[in-house]
Amino acid sequence: MIPIIPFIFYHGKKKLSIPENFSNYFNIEDKNIKEYLLNFKSIIFDTNRLNDDKIIETTKAINNLELLAGLLSMKHIFDDIKSLKPVLKALIQVSDKNGYCLFLEYIIIARDIDKKELSRVIKETGGDKMPTLADRLIEEGKQIGWQEGKQAGWQEGVYEGLLEAIKIGLQLKFSSDGLALFESIKTINDIDKLKTIKDAIIDAKSVDEIKKLLINN
């Protein structure tokens, strides 16, 4: 038989408080019954229990900058934009442009962020020296008023942005299984359906939950 080790990854707003042993989920005092319950210990990975320095130190040691960006983005996804400044500065120092952009893109996926404010934070933390996404966000922040009059282009931009956000979210949470599902999702043209899928990725526990949305829609 192939051994299965339970692993719980959590990045909610508050620290996770659940038993490590499965049998402790049952409120049973009778030892004669409890000894027959299925019991195993789970590995619990709660991003709230790790400080940023520890995450940076560990991921640098294994030379995985994508993992670094992914963990930091999930840990700080609920933070205020201004409070992200130290994280962005740290990423600039230890990561490359791909890790930096991956962090920004995931934040944009899950949050309704004012691009003008985000572009200011990027500049203040030195991110304007990072190419591609950072440049694009700063430029969008400058031209956002002008873009409001371009409804057709805006719709196209929203569509492409949603697909990009969904792809990154699926990759971060479900790896290859998520990318495989994205092949079906990218054929959807309905922006409202894509928004529903994007929002569902944040709380989804498995890729099957996202698959159900495709069936239902």
N, C-alpha and C. Protein backbone atom coordinates (compact mmCIF):
# COMPACT_ATOMS: atom_id res chain seq x y z
N MET A 1 0.83 -1.20 0.00
CA MET A 1 0.00 0.00 0.00
C MET A 1 0.87 1.26 0.00
N ILE A 2 0.36 2.29 -0.62
CA ILE A 2 1.08 3.56 -0.66
C ILE A 2 0.70 4.39 0.56
N PRO A 3 1.68 4.82 1.35
CA PRO A 3 1.36 5.63 2.54
C PRO A 3 0.81 7.00 2.15
N ILE A 4 -0.16 7.48 2.92
CA ILE A 4 -0.76 8.80 2.70
C ILE A 4 -0.53 9.64 3.95
N ILE A 5 0.11 10.78 3.78
CA ILE A 5 0.38 11.67 4.90
C ILE A 5 -0.50 12.91 4.76
N PRO A 6 -1.45 13.13 5.68
CA PRO A 6 -2.33 14.30 5.60
C PRO A 6 -1.57 15.61 5.79
N PHE A 7 -1.80 16.54 4.91
CA PHE A 7 -1.13 17.84 4.96
C PHE A 7 -2.18 18.94 4.80
N ILE A 8 -2.24 19.83 5.78
CA ILE A 8 -3.23 20.92 5.75
C ILE A 8 -2.50 22.24 5.55
N PHE A 9 -2.80 22.90 4.41
CA PHE A 9 -2.20 24.22 4.13
C PHE A 9 -3.27 25.27 4.36
N TYR A 10 -2.95 26.26 5.21
CA TYR A 10 -3.94 27.27 5.58
C TYR A 10 -3.32 28.66 5.51
N HIS A 11 -4.07 29.61 4.91
CA HIS A 11 -3.59 30.99 4.85
C HIS A 11 -4.74 31.98 5.07
N GLY A 12 -5.55 31.70 6.07
CA GLY A 12 -6.68 32.57 6.40
C GLY A 12 -6.25 33.80 7.19
N LYS A 13 -7.24 34.61 7.57
CA LYS A 13 -6.97 35.86 8.27
C LYS A 13 -6.45 35.61 9.69
N LYS A 14 -6.96 34.57 10.35
CA LYS A 14 -6.57 34.29 11.72
C LYS A 14 -5.79 32.98 11.80
N LYS A 15 -5.07 32.81 12.91
CA LYS A 15 -4.34 31.57 13.11
C LYS A 15 -5.30 30.39 13.17
N LEU A 16 -4.90 29.29 12.58
CA LEU A 16 -5.73 28.10 12.55
C LEU A 16 -5.64 27.36 13.88
N SER A 17 -6.79 27.02 14.42
CA SER A 17 -6.82 26.30 15.69
C SER A 17 -7.64 25.03 15.53
N ILE A 18 -6.96 23.95 15.15
CA ILE A 18 -7.61 22.65 15.01
C ILE A 18 -6.70 21.59 15.60
N PRO A 19 -7.26 20.46 16.01
CA PRO A 19 -6.43 19.38 16.58
C PRO A 19 -5.52 18.77 15.53
N GLU A 20 -4.34 18.36 15.93
CA GLU A 20 -3.45 17.66 15.01
C GLU A 20 -3.87 16.21 14.84
N ASN A 21 -4.45 15.63 15.90
CA ASN A 21 -4.89 14.23 15.85
C ASN A 21 -6.35 14.14 15.46
N PHE A 22 -6.64 13.30 14.49
CA PHE A 22 -8.00 13.19 13.94
C PHE A 22 -9.02 12.76 15.00
N SER A 23 -8.64 11.89 15.90
CA SER A 23 -9.59 11.39 16.91
C SER A 23 -10.06 12.51 17.84
N ASN A 24 -9.29 13.58 17.92
CA ASN A 24 -9.67 14.69 18.81
C ASN A 24 -10.80 15.55 18.24
N TYR A 25 -11.20 15.28 17.00
CA TYR A 25 -12.34 15.98 16.43
C TYR A 25 -13.65 15.47 17.04
N PHE A 26 -13.60 14.31 17.67
CA PHE A 26 -14.80 13.70 18.25
C PHE A 26 -14.83 13.95 19.75
N ASN A 27 -15.94 14.43 20.22
CA ASN A 27 -16.10 14.72 21.64
C ASN A 27 -16.60 13.48 22.37
N ILE A 28 -15.69 12.53 22.53
CA ILE A 28 -16.04 11.25 23.16
C ILE A 28 -15.12 11.02 24.36
N GLU A 29 -15.72 10.86 25.51
CA GLU A 29 -14.96 10.67 26.74
C GLU A 29 -14.67 9.20 27.03
N ASP A 30 -15.54 8.35 26.54
CA ASP A 30 -15.42 6.91 26.83
C ASP A 30 -14.18 6.34 26.13
N LYS A 31 -13.18 5.97 26.90
CA LYS A 31 -11.93 5.45 26.33
C LYS A 31 -12.15 4.13 25.58
N ASN A 32 -13.14 3.36 26.03
CA ASN A 32 -13.41 2.08 25.38
C ASN A 32 -13.89 2.26 23.95
N ILE A 33 -14.54 3.39 23.69
CA ILE A 33 -14.99 3.69 22.32
C ILE A 33 -13.89 4.42 21.55
N LYS A 34 -13.24 5.33 22.22
CA LYS A 34 -12.26 6.19 21.56
C LYS A 34 -11.08 5.39 20.99
N GLU A 35 -10.73 4.30 21.64
CA GLU A 35 -9.59 3.54 21.16
C GLU A 35 -9.84 2.87 19.81
N TYR A 36 -11.13 2.79 19.40
CA TYR A 36 -11.46 2.17 18.11
C TYR A 36 -11.67 3.21 16.99
N LEU A 37 -11.58 4.47 17.34
CA LEU A 37 -11.75 5.51 16.32
C LEU A 37 -10.53 5.58 15.41
N LEU A 38 -10.79 5.90 14.17
CA LEU A 38 -9.68 6.14 13.24
C LEU A 38 -8.88 7.33 13.74
N ASN A 39 -7.58 7.17 13.80
CA ASN A 39 -6.76 8.25 14.34
C ASN A 39 -5.46 8.37 13.56
N PHE A 40 -5.12 9.58 13.24
CA PHE A 40 -3.85 9.86 12.57
C PHE A 40 -3.50 11.32 12.84
N LYS A 41 -2.23 11.64 12.66
CA LYS A 41 -1.76 12.99 12.89
C LYS A 41 -1.58 13.70 11.55
N SER A 42 -1.95 14.98 11.49
CA SER A 42 -1.82 15.75 10.26
C SER A 42 -0.69 16.77 10.39
N ILE A 43 -0.04 17.03 9.27
CA ILE A 43 0.92 18.12 9.21
C ILE A 43 0.15 19.40 8.91
N ILE A 44 0.23 20.37 9.79
CA ILE A 44 -0.51 21.62 9.61
C ILE A 44 0.47 22.74 9.27
N PHE A 45 0.27 23.34 8.09
CA PHE A 45 1.11 24.46 7.65
C PHE A 45 0.24 25.71 7.64
N ASP A 46 0.40 26.54 8.65
CA ASP A 46 -0.37 27.77 8.79
C ASP A 46 0.56 28.95 8.55
N THR A 47 0.33 29.70 7.46
CA THR A 47 1.23 30.81 7.12
C THR A 47 1.26 31.87 8.22
N ASN A 48 0.20 31.94 9.03
CA ASN A 48 0.17 32.93 10.11
C ASN A 48 1.19 32.63 11.20
N ARG A 49 1.64 31.38 11.28
CA ARG A 49 2.58 31.00 12.33
C ARG A 49 4.04 31.25 11.93
N LEU A 50 4.25 31.64 10.68
CA LEU A 50 5.62 31.87 10.20
C LEU A 50 5.85 33.35 9.96
N ASN A 51 6.99 33.86 10.39
CA ASN A 51 7.31 35.25 10.06
C ASN A 51 7.97 35.29 8.68
N ASP A 52 7.96 36.46 8.09
CA ASP A 52 8.46 36.60 6.72
C ASP A 52 9.94 36.22 6.61
N ASP A 53 10.73 36.57 7.61
CA ASP A 53 12.16 36.26 7.56
C ASP A 53 12.41 34.76 7.48
N LYS A 54 11.59 33.98 8.21
CA LYS A 54 11.73 32.52 8.19
C LYS A 54 11.37 31.96 6.82
N ILE A 55 10.30 32.50 6.21
CA ILE A 55 9.90 32.06 4.88
C ILE A 55 10.99 32.36 3.86
N ILE A 56 11.53 33.57 3.93
CA ILE A 56 12.59 33.98 3.00
C ILE A 56 13.83 33.11 3.17
N GLU A 57 14.22 32.88 4.43
CA GLU A 57 15.41 32.08 4.72
C GLU A 57 15.27 30.66 4.18
N THR A 58 14.10 30.05 4.42
CA THR A 58 13.88 28.66 4.02
C THR A 58 13.83 28.50 2.51
N THR A 59 13.09 29.38 1.84
CA THR A 59 12.94 29.25 0.38
C THR A 59 14.24 29.61 -0.35
N LYS A 60 15.02 30.53 0.20
CA LYS A 60 16.31 30.86 -0.41
C LYS A 60 17.26 29.68 -0.30
N ALA A 61 17.16 28.95 0.82
CA ALA A 61 18.06 27.81 1.05
C ALA A 61 17.87 26.72 0.00
N ILE A 62 16.62 26.58 -0.49
CA ILE A 62 16.34 25.56 -1.51
C ILE A 62 16.24 26.19 -2.90
N ASN A 63 16.58 27.48 -2.99
CA ASN A 63 16.63 28.22 -4.25
C ASN A 63 15.30 28.11 -5.02
N ASN A 64 14.20 28.40 -4.32
CA ASN A 64 12.88 28.34 -4.96
C ASN A 64 12.19 29.69 -4.78
N LEU A 65 12.45 30.61 -5.68
CA LEU A 65 11.91 31.96 -5.57
C LEU A 65 10.41 32.00 -5.88
N GLU A 66 9.93 31.06 -6.71
CA GLU A 66 8.49 31.00 -6.99
C GLU A 66 7.73 30.60 -5.73
N LEU A 67 8.29 29.65 -4.98
CA LEU A 67 7.67 29.25 -3.71
C LEU A 67 7.66 30.41 -2.73
N LEU A 68 8.76 31.16 -2.70
CA LEU A 68 8.86 32.34 -1.83
C LEU A 68 7.73 33.32 -2.15
N ALA A 69 7.57 33.66 -3.42
CA ALA A 69 6.53 34.61 -3.81
C ALA A 69 5.14 34.07 -3.51
N GLY A 70 4.94 32.77 -3.75
CA GLY A 70 3.64 32.17 -3.49
C GLY A 70 3.26 32.19 -2.02
N LEU A 71 4.20 31.82 -1.16
CA LEU A 71 3.92 31.79 0.29
C LEU A 71 3.67 33.20 0.83
N LEU A 72 4.48 34.15 0.41
CA LEU A 72 4.30 35.52 0.90
C LEU A 72 2.98 36.12 0.42
N SER A 73 2.62 35.82 -0.83
CA SER A 73 1.37 36.38 -1.35
C SER A 73 0.16 35.78 -0.64
N MET A 74 0.20 34.48 -0.36
CA MET A 74 -0.91 33.85 0.35
C MET A 74 -1.00 34.33 1.80
N LYS A 75 0.16 34.51 2.42
CA LYS A 75 0.16 34.96 3.82
C LYS A 75 -0.40 36.37 3.95
N HIS A 76 -0.09 37.24 2.99
CA HIS A 76 -0.45 38.66 3.11
C HIS A 76 -1.64 39.06 2.24
N ILE A 77 -2.38 38.08 1.72
CA ILE A 77 -3.46 38.37 0.78
C ILE A 77 -4.54 39.26 1.38
N PHE A 78 -4.72 39.21 2.70
CA PHE A 78 -5.78 40.01 3.33
C PHE A 78 -5.26 41.32 3.93
N ASP A 79 -3.97 41.60 3.76
CA ASP A 79 -3.38 42.81 4.36
C ASP A 79 -3.80 44.06 3.60
N ASP A 80 -3.75 45.19 4.29
CA ASP A 80 -3.94 46.48 3.64
C ASP A 80 -2.80 46.73 2.67
N ILE A 81 -3.08 47.42 1.57
CA ILE A 81 -2.07 47.62 0.54
C ILE A 81 -0.81 48.27 1.10
N LYS A 82 -0.97 49.29 1.93
CA LYS A 82 0.20 50.01 2.45
C LYS A 82 1.06 49.13 3.34
N SER A 83 0.42 48.17 4.01
CA SER A 83 1.18 47.28 4.90
C SER A 83 2.00 46.25 4.12
N LEU A 84 1.79 46.20 2.79
CA LEU A 84 2.54 45.27 1.96
C LEU A 84 3.93 45.82 1.60
N LYS A 85 4.20 47.07 1.94
CA LYS A 85 5.48 47.68 1.56
C LYS A 85 6.69 46.87 2.00
N PRO A 86 6.76 46.43 3.28
CA PRO A 86 7.95 45.65 3.69
C PRO A 86 8.10 44.35 2.90
N VAL A 87 6.97 43.73 2.54
CA VAL A 87 7.02 42.48 1.78
C VAL A 87 7.55 42.73 0.38
N LEU A 88 7.06 43.79 -0.26
CA LEU A 88 7.52 44.12 -1.60
C LEU A 88 9.01 44.46 -1.60
N LYS A 89 9.46 45.20 -0.58
CA LYS A 89 10.88 45.54 -0.48
C LYS A 89 11.73 44.28 -0.32
N ALA A 90 11.24 43.34 0.50
CA ALA A 90 11.98 42.09 0.72
C ALA A 90 12.06 41.28 -0.58
N LEU A 91 10.98 41.24 -1.34
CA LEU A 91 10.98 40.50 -2.60
C LEU A 91 11.96 41.10 -3.60
N ILE A 92 12.04 42.42 -3.64
CA ILE A 92 12.98 43.08 -4.54
C ILE A 92 14.41 42.70 -4.19
N GLN A 93 14.69 42.56 -2.91
CA GLN A 93 16.05 42.26 -2.46
C GLN A 93 16.46 40.82 -2.72
N VAL A 94 15.51 39.88 -2.55
CA VAL A 94 15.90 38.46 -2.60
C VAL A 94 15.36 37.72 -3.81
N SER A 95 14.40 38.30 -4.53
CA SER A 95 13.77 37.57 -5.63
C SER A 95 14.17 38.17 -6.97
N ASP A 96 13.66 37.56 -8.04
CA ASP A 96 13.86 38.11 -9.38
C ASP A 96 12.54 38.71 -9.86
N LYS A 97 12.50 39.16 -11.09
CA LYS A 97 11.29 39.83 -11.59
C LYS A 97 10.11 38.87 -11.64
N ASN A 98 10.36 37.59 -11.89
CA ASN A 98 9.26 36.63 -11.97
C ASN A 98 8.59 36.45 -10.61
N GLY A 99 9.40 36.32 -9.55
CA GLY A 99 8.83 36.17 -8.21
C GLY A 99 8.08 37.41 -7.78
N TYR A 100 8.63 38.58 -8.10
CA TYR A 100 8.00 39.85 -7.75
C TYR A 100 6.65 40.00 -8.46
N CYS A 101 6.63 39.71 -9.75
CA CYS A 101 5.40 39.84 -10.53
C CYS A 101 4.37 38.79 -10.12
N LEU A 102 4.84 37.59 -9.77
CA LEU A 102 3.92 36.55 -9.31
C LEU A 102 3.19 37.00 -8.05
N PHE A 103 3.93 37.63 -7.13
CA PHE A 103 3.32 38.15 -5.90
C PHE A 103 2.27 39.19 -6.23
N LEU A 104 2.60 40.16 -7.07
CA LEU A 104 1.66 41.22 -7.41
C LEU A 104 0.42 40.68 -8.11
N GLU A 105 0.61 39.73 -9.02
CA GLU A 105 -0.51 39.20 -9.78
C GLU A 105 -1.48 38.45 -8.88
N TYR A 106 -0.95 37.70 -7.92
CA TYR A 106 -1.85 36.97 -7.02
C TYR A 106 -2.62 37.93 -6.13
N ILE A 107 -1.98 39.00 -5.68
CA ILE A 107 -2.67 40.01 -4.87
C ILE A 107 -3.81 40.62 -5.68
N ILE A 108 -3.55 40.88 -6.95
CA ILE A 108 -4.56 41.49 -7.81
C ILE A 108 -5.71 40.53 -8.08
N ILE A 109 -5.39 39.23 -8.16
CA ILE A 109 -6.42 38.22 -8.41
C ILE A 109 -7.50 38.27 -7.35
N ALA A 110 -7.06 38.21 -6.11
CA ALA A 110 -7.98 37.97 -5.00
C ALA A 110 -8.53 39.23 -4.36
N ARG A 111 -7.99 40.37 -4.74
CA ARG A 111 -8.40 41.61 -4.09
C ARG A 111 -8.90 42.62 -5.11
N ASP A 112 -9.87 43.41 -4.71
CA ASP A 112 -10.34 44.51 -5.53
C ASP A 112 -9.50 45.73 -5.17
N ILE A 113 -8.37 45.88 -5.86
CA ILE A 113 -7.37 46.87 -5.47
C ILE A 113 -7.42 48.08 -6.40
N ASP A 114 -7.30 49.26 -5.81
CA ASP A 114 -7.20 50.50 -6.56
C ASP A 114 -5.83 50.55 -7.23
N LYS A 115 -5.81 50.54 -8.54
CA LYS A 115 -4.53 50.47 -9.24
C LYS A 115 -3.68 51.71 -9.04
N LYS A 116 -4.32 52.85 -8.86
CA LYS A 116 -3.56 54.07 -8.59
C LYS A 116 -2.78 53.93 -7.28
N GLU A 117 -3.47 53.43 -6.25
CA GLU A 117 -2.82 53.27 -4.96
C GLU A 117 -1.72 52.22 -5.03
N LEU A 118 -2.00 51.12 -5.75
CA LEU A 118 -1.00 50.07 -5.88
C LEU A 118 0.23 50.57 -6.63
N SER A 119 0.02 51.37 -7.67
CA SER A 119 1.15 51.90 -8.42
C SER A 119 2.01 52.80 -7.55
N ARG A 120 1.37 53.54 -6.63
CA ARG A 120 2.13 54.39 -5.70
C ARG A 120 2.99 53.54 -4.77
N VAL A 121 2.40 52.45 -4.26
CA VAL A 121 3.14 51.57 -3.36
C VAL A 121 4.31 50.92 -4.09
N ILE A 122 4.09 50.53 -5.35
CA ILE A 122 5.17 49.94 -6.14
C ILE A 122 6.33 50.91 -6.29
N LYS A 123 6.01 52.16 -6.60
CA LYS A 123 7.06 53.18 -6.75
C LYS A 123 7.79 53.42 -5.44
N GLU A 124 7.03 53.52 -4.34
CA GLU A 124 7.63 53.82 -3.04
C GLU A 124 8.56 52.71 -2.55
N THR A 125 8.32 51.48 -3.02
CA THR A 125 9.15 50.35 -2.58
C THR A 125 10.25 50.01 -3.59
N GLY A 126 10.35 50.81 -4.65
CA GLY A 126 11.39 50.55 -5.64
C GLY A 126 10.98 49.57 -6.71
N GLY A 127 9.72 49.18 -6.73
CA GLY A 127 9.25 48.20 -7.70
C GLY A 127 9.14 48.73 -9.11
N ASP A 128 9.21 50.07 -9.26
CA ASP A 128 9.15 50.64 -10.61
C ASP A 128 10.40 50.28 -11.42
N LYS A 129 11.42 49.74 -10.73
CA LYS A 129 12.62 49.29 -11.44
C LYS A 129 12.47 47.84 -11.89
N MET A 130 11.39 47.19 -11.45
CA MET A 130 11.09 45.83 -11.90
C MET A 130 10.27 45.92 -13.20
N PRO A 131 10.67 45.22 -14.27
CA PRO A 131 9.97 45.35 -15.55
C PRO A 131 8.62 44.65 -15.58
N THR A 132 8.02 44.63 -16.72
CA THR A 132 6.77 43.94 -17.07
C THR A 132 5.59 44.38 -16.23
N LEU A 133 5.13 43.55 -15.31
CA LEU A 133 3.87 43.82 -14.61
C LEU A 133 3.92 45.13 -13.85
N ALA A 134 5.00 45.39 -13.14
CA ALA A 134 5.09 46.63 -12.36
C ALA A 134 4.95 47.84 -13.28
N ASP A 135 5.63 47.81 -14.42
CA ASP A 135 5.52 48.91 -15.37
C ASP A 135 4.08 49.07 -15.86
N ARG A 136 3.46 47.93 -16.14
CA ARG A 136 2.09 47.98 -16.66
C ARG A 136 1.13 48.56 -15.65
N LEU A 137 1.30 48.18 -14.39
CA LEU A 137 0.40 48.68 -13.35
C LEU A 137 0.58 50.18 -13.14
N ILE A 138 1.81 50.65 -13.17
CA ILE A 138 2.07 52.07 -13.00
C ILE A 138 1.44 52.85 -14.16
N GLU A 139 1.60 52.34 -15.37
CA GLU A 139 1.04 53.01 -16.53
C GLU A 139 -0.49 53.02 -16.47
N GLU A 140 -1.07 51.89 -16.03
CA GLU A 140 -2.52 51.83 -15.91
C GLU A 140 -3.02 52.81 -14.85
N GLY A 141 -2.23 52.96 -13.79
CA GLY A 141 -2.62 53.91 -12.75
C GLY A 141 -2.65 55.33 -13.27
N LYS A 142 -1.73 55.67 -14.19
CA LYS A 142 -1.68 57.00 -14.77
C LYS A 142 -2.85 57.24 -15.72
N GLN A 143 -3.26 56.19 -16.45
CA GLN A 143 -4.21 56.38 -17.52
C GLN A 143 -5.61 55.86 -17.20
N ILE A 144 -5.87 55.52 -15.95
CA ILE A 144 -7.14 54.87 -15.62
C ILE A 144 -8.36 55.73 -15.95
N GLY A 145 -8.21 57.06 -15.81
CA GLY A 145 -9.33 57.95 -16.14
C GLY A 145 -9.64 57.90 -17.63
N TRP A 146 -8.60 57.90 -18.45
CA TRP A 146 -8.78 57.84 -19.89
C TRP A 146 -9.41 56.52 -20.33
N GLN A 147 -9.06 55.45 -19.64
CA GLN A 147 -9.54 54.13 -20.03
C GLN A 147 -11.02 53.93 -19.75
N GLU A 148 -11.56 54.72 -18.84
CA GLU A 148 -12.98 54.55 -18.50
C GLU A 148 -13.88 54.80 -19.70
N GLY A 149 -13.41 55.63 -20.65
CA GLY A 149 -14.22 55.92 -21.83
C GLY A 149 -14.09 54.89 -22.93
N LYS A 150 -13.22 53.93 -22.74
CA LYS A 150 -12.99 52.91 -23.75
C LYS A 150 -13.66 51.61 -23.32
N GLN A 151 -14.98 51.55 -23.40
CA GLN A 151 -15.74 50.43 -22.86
C GLN A 151 -15.39 49.11 -23.53
N ALA A 152 -15.28 49.12 -24.85
CA ALA A 152 -14.99 47.87 -25.56
C ALA A 152 -13.62 47.33 -25.17
N GLY A 153 -12.63 48.24 -25.15
CA GLY A 153 -11.29 47.82 -24.76
C GLY A 153 -11.24 47.38 -23.31
N TRP A 154 -12.03 48.06 -22.48
CA TRP A 154 -12.08 47.71 -21.06
C TRP A 154 -12.61 46.29 -20.87
N GLN A 155 -13.68 45.95 -21.59
CA GLN A 155 -14.25 44.61 -21.49
C GLN A 155 -13.23 43.55 -21.88
N GLU A 156 -12.51 43.84 -22.96
CA GLU A 156 -11.50 42.89 -23.41
C GLU A 156 -10.39 42.76 -22.37
N GLY A 157 -10.01 43.90 -21.77
CA GLY A 157 -8.98 43.87 -20.74
C GLY A 157 -9.41 43.10 -19.51
N VAL A 158 -10.69 43.27 -19.12
CA VAL A 158 -11.23 42.54 -17.97
C VAL A 158 -11.21 41.05 -18.25
N TYR A 159 -11.62 40.67 -19.47
CA TYR A 159 -11.65 39.24 -19.85
C TYR A 159 -10.25 38.62 -19.77
N GLU A 160 -9.29 39.30 -20.38
CA GLU A 160 -7.93 38.77 -20.37
C GLU A 160 -7.35 38.75 -18.96
N GLY A 161 -7.68 39.79 -18.19
CA GLY A 161 -7.19 39.86 -16.82
C GLY A 161 -7.75 38.74 -15.96
N LEU A 162 -9.04 38.43 -16.15
CA LEU A 162 -9.66 37.35 -15.39
C LEU A 162 -9.02 36.00 -15.72
N LEU A 163 -8.80 35.76 -17.01
CA LEU A 163 -8.17 34.50 -17.41
C LEU A 163 -6.77 34.37 -16.81
N GLU A 164 -6.01 35.47 -16.85
CA GLU A 164 -4.66 35.45 -16.28
C GLU A 164 -4.71 35.22 -14.77
N ALA A 165 -5.66 35.88 -14.12
CA ALA A 165 -5.79 35.73 -12.67
C ALA A 165 -6.18 34.30 -12.30
N ILE A 166 -7.12 33.73 -13.04
CA ILE A 166 -7.56 32.36 -12.78
C ILE A 166 -6.41 31.37 -12.99
N LYS A 167 -5.66 31.57 -14.04
CA LYS A 167 -4.54 30.67 -14.33
C LYS A 167 -3.52 30.68 -13.21
N ILE A 168 -3.16 31.87 -12.74
CA ILE A 168 -2.17 31.98 -11.66
C ILE A 168 -2.71 31.37 -10.37
N GLY A 169 -3.99 31.67 -10.07
CA GLY A 169 -4.59 31.13 -8.86
C GLY A 169 -4.63 29.61 -8.86
N LEU A 170 -5.00 29.03 -10.00
CA LEU A 170 -5.04 27.56 -10.12
C LEU A 170 -3.65 26.96 -9.99
N GLN A 171 -2.67 27.63 -10.58
CA GLN A 171 -1.30 27.12 -10.51
C GLN A 171 -0.76 27.16 -9.10
N LEU A 172 -1.03 28.25 -8.40
CA LEU A 172 -0.54 28.39 -7.03
C LEU A 172 -1.17 27.39 -6.08
N LYS A 173 -2.48 27.15 -6.24
CA LYS A 173 -3.19 26.31 -5.29
C LYS A 173 -3.19 24.83 -5.67
N PHE A 174 -3.24 24.52 -6.99
CA PHE A 174 -3.43 23.13 -7.38
C PHE A 174 -2.40 22.62 -8.38
N SER A 175 -1.35 23.40 -8.63
CA SER A 175 -0.22 22.98 -9.48
C SER A 175 -0.70 22.47 -10.84
N SER A 176 -0.20 21.30 -11.26
CA SER A 176 -0.49 20.79 -12.60
C SER A 176 -1.96 20.48 -12.80
N ASP A 177 -2.65 20.03 -11.73
CA ASP A 177 -4.09 19.76 -11.85
C ASP A 177 -4.85 21.04 -12.16
N GLY A 178 -4.42 22.14 -11.55
CA GLY A 178 -5.08 23.41 -11.80
C GLY A 178 -4.85 23.89 -13.23
N LEU A 179 -3.63 23.74 -13.72
CA LEU A 179 -3.32 24.16 -15.09
C LEU A 179 -4.07 23.32 -16.11
N ALA A 180 -4.25 22.03 -15.79
CA ALA A 180 -5.00 21.16 -16.70
C ALA A 180 -6.45 21.63 -16.79
N LEU A 181 -7.04 22.02 -15.67
CA LEU A 181 -8.42 22.50 -15.66
C LEU A 181 -8.55 23.84 -16.39
N PHE A 182 -7.50 24.63 -16.34
CA PHE A 182 -7.54 25.95 -16.99
C PHE A 182 -7.78 25.82 -18.49
N GLU A 183 -7.36 24.72 -19.09
CA GLU A 183 -7.58 24.52 -20.53
C GLU A 183 -9.06 24.55 -20.87
N SER A 184 -9.91 24.08 -19.95
CA SER A 184 -11.36 24.12 -20.17
C SER A 184 -11.92 25.50 -19.84
N ILE A 185 -11.36 26.11 -18.79
CA ILE A 185 -11.88 27.41 -18.34
C ILE A 185 -11.64 28.49 -19.39
N LYS A 186 -10.52 28.44 -20.09
CA LYS A 186 -10.18 29.53 -21.02
C LYS A 186 -11.09 29.56 -22.25
N THR A 187 -11.95 28.55 -22.41
CA THR A 187 -12.91 28.57 -23.51
C THR A 187 -14.19 29.31 -23.14
N ILE A 188 -14.33 29.69 -21.86
CA ILE A 188 -15.53 30.40 -21.38
C ILE A 188 -15.42 31.87 -21.78
N ASN A 189 -16.50 32.41 -22.35
CA ASN A 189 -16.52 33.80 -22.79
C ASN A 189 -17.30 34.72 -21.87
N ASP A 190 -18.06 34.12 -20.95
CA ASP A 190 -18.92 34.89 -20.05
C ASP A 190 -18.09 35.47 -18.90
N ILE A 191 -17.99 36.79 -18.83
CA ILE A 191 -17.18 37.45 -17.81
C ILE A 191 -17.70 37.17 -16.41
N ASP A 192 -19.02 37.14 -16.24
CA ASP A 192 -19.60 36.87 -14.92
C ASP A 192 -19.24 35.48 -14.42
N LYS A 193 -19.24 34.50 -15.33
CA LYS A 193 -18.87 33.14 -14.95
C LYS A 193 -17.39 33.09 -14.55
N LEU A 194 -16.57 33.81 -15.28
CA LEU A 194 -15.15 33.84 -14.96
C LEU A 194 -14.90 34.50 -13.61
N LYS A 195 -15.66 35.55 -13.30
CA LYS A 195 -15.53 36.20 -12.00
C LYS A 195 -15.91 35.23 -10.87
N THR A 196 -16.97 34.45 -11.10
CA THR A 196 -17.40 33.47 -10.10
C THR A 196 -16.31 32.44 -9.85
N ILE A 197 -15.68 31.98 -10.94
CA ILE A 197 -14.61 30.99 -10.83
C ILE A 197 -13.41 31.59 -10.10
N LYS A 198 -13.05 32.83 -10.45
CA LYS A 198 -11.91 33.49 -9.82
C LYS A 198 -12.11 33.62 -8.31
N ASP A 199 -13.32 34.05 -7.91
CA ASP A 199 -13.62 34.22 -6.48
C ASP A 199 -13.61 32.89 -5.74
N ALA A 200 -14.06 31.83 -6.44
CA ALA A 200 -14.14 30.51 -5.80
C ALA A 200 -12.78 29.91 -5.53
N ILE A 201 -11.78 30.27 -6.33
CA ILE A 201 -10.43 29.70 -6.18
C ILE A 201 -9.84 30.02 -4.81
N ILE A 202 -10.17 31.19 -4.28
CA ILE A 202 -9.57 31.64 -3.01
C ILE A 202 -9.89 30.66 -1.88
N ASP A 203 -11.14 30.20 -1.80
CA ASP A 203 -11.55 29.34 -0.69
C ASP A 203 -11.63 27.86 -1.05
N ALA A 204 -11.39 27.53 -2.32
CA ALA A 204 -11.53 26.14 -2.76
C ALA A 204 -10.52 25.23 -2.05
N LYS A 205 -10.99 24.08 -1.59
CA LYS A 205 -10.11 23.12 -0.92
C LYS A 205 -9.51 22.12 -1.91
N SER A 206 -10.15 21.96 -3.06
CA SER A 206 -9.66 21.02 -4.06
C SER A 206 -10.05 21.51 -5.45
N VAL A 207 -9.37 20.99 -6.44
CA VAL A 207 -9.66 21.38 -7.82
C VAL A 207 -11.04 20.89 -8.24
N ASP A 208 -11.54 19.85 -7.58
CA ASP A 208 -12.88 19.34 -7.91
C ASP A 208 -13.97 20.37 -7.63
N GLU A 209 -13.76 21.22 -6.63
CA GLU A 209 -14.75 22.26 -6.34
C GLU A 209 -14.88 23.23 -7.50
N ILE A 210 -13.78 23.50 -8.18
CA ILE A 210 -13.82 24.39 -9.34
C ILE A 210 -14.45 23.66 -10.52
N LYS A 211 -14.17 22.37 -10.65
CA LYS A 211 -14.77 21.59 -11.74
C LYS A 211 -16.30 21.59 -11.65
N LYS A 212 -16.82 21.53 -10.43
CA LYS A 212 -18.27 21.55 -10.24
C LYS A 212 -18.89 22.83 -10.77
N LEU A 213 -18.16 23.94 -10.63
CA LEU A 213 -18.69 25.22 -11.16
C LEU A 213 -18.81 25.16 -12.68
N LEU A 214 -17.88 24.48 -13.33
CA LEU A 214 -17.94 24.36 -14.78
C LEU A 214 -19.14 23.53 -15.20
N ILE A 215 -19.41 22.48 -14.44
CA ILE A 215 -20.56 21.61 -14.74
C ILE A 215 -21.86 22.35 -14.52
N ASN A 216 -21.93 23.08 -13.38
CA ASN A 216 -23.15 23.80 -13.04
C ASN A 216 -23.44 24.94 -14.00
N ASN A 217 -22.36 25.50 -14.56
CA ASN A 217 -22.54 26.61 -15.49
C ASN A 217 -22.66 26.15 -16.92
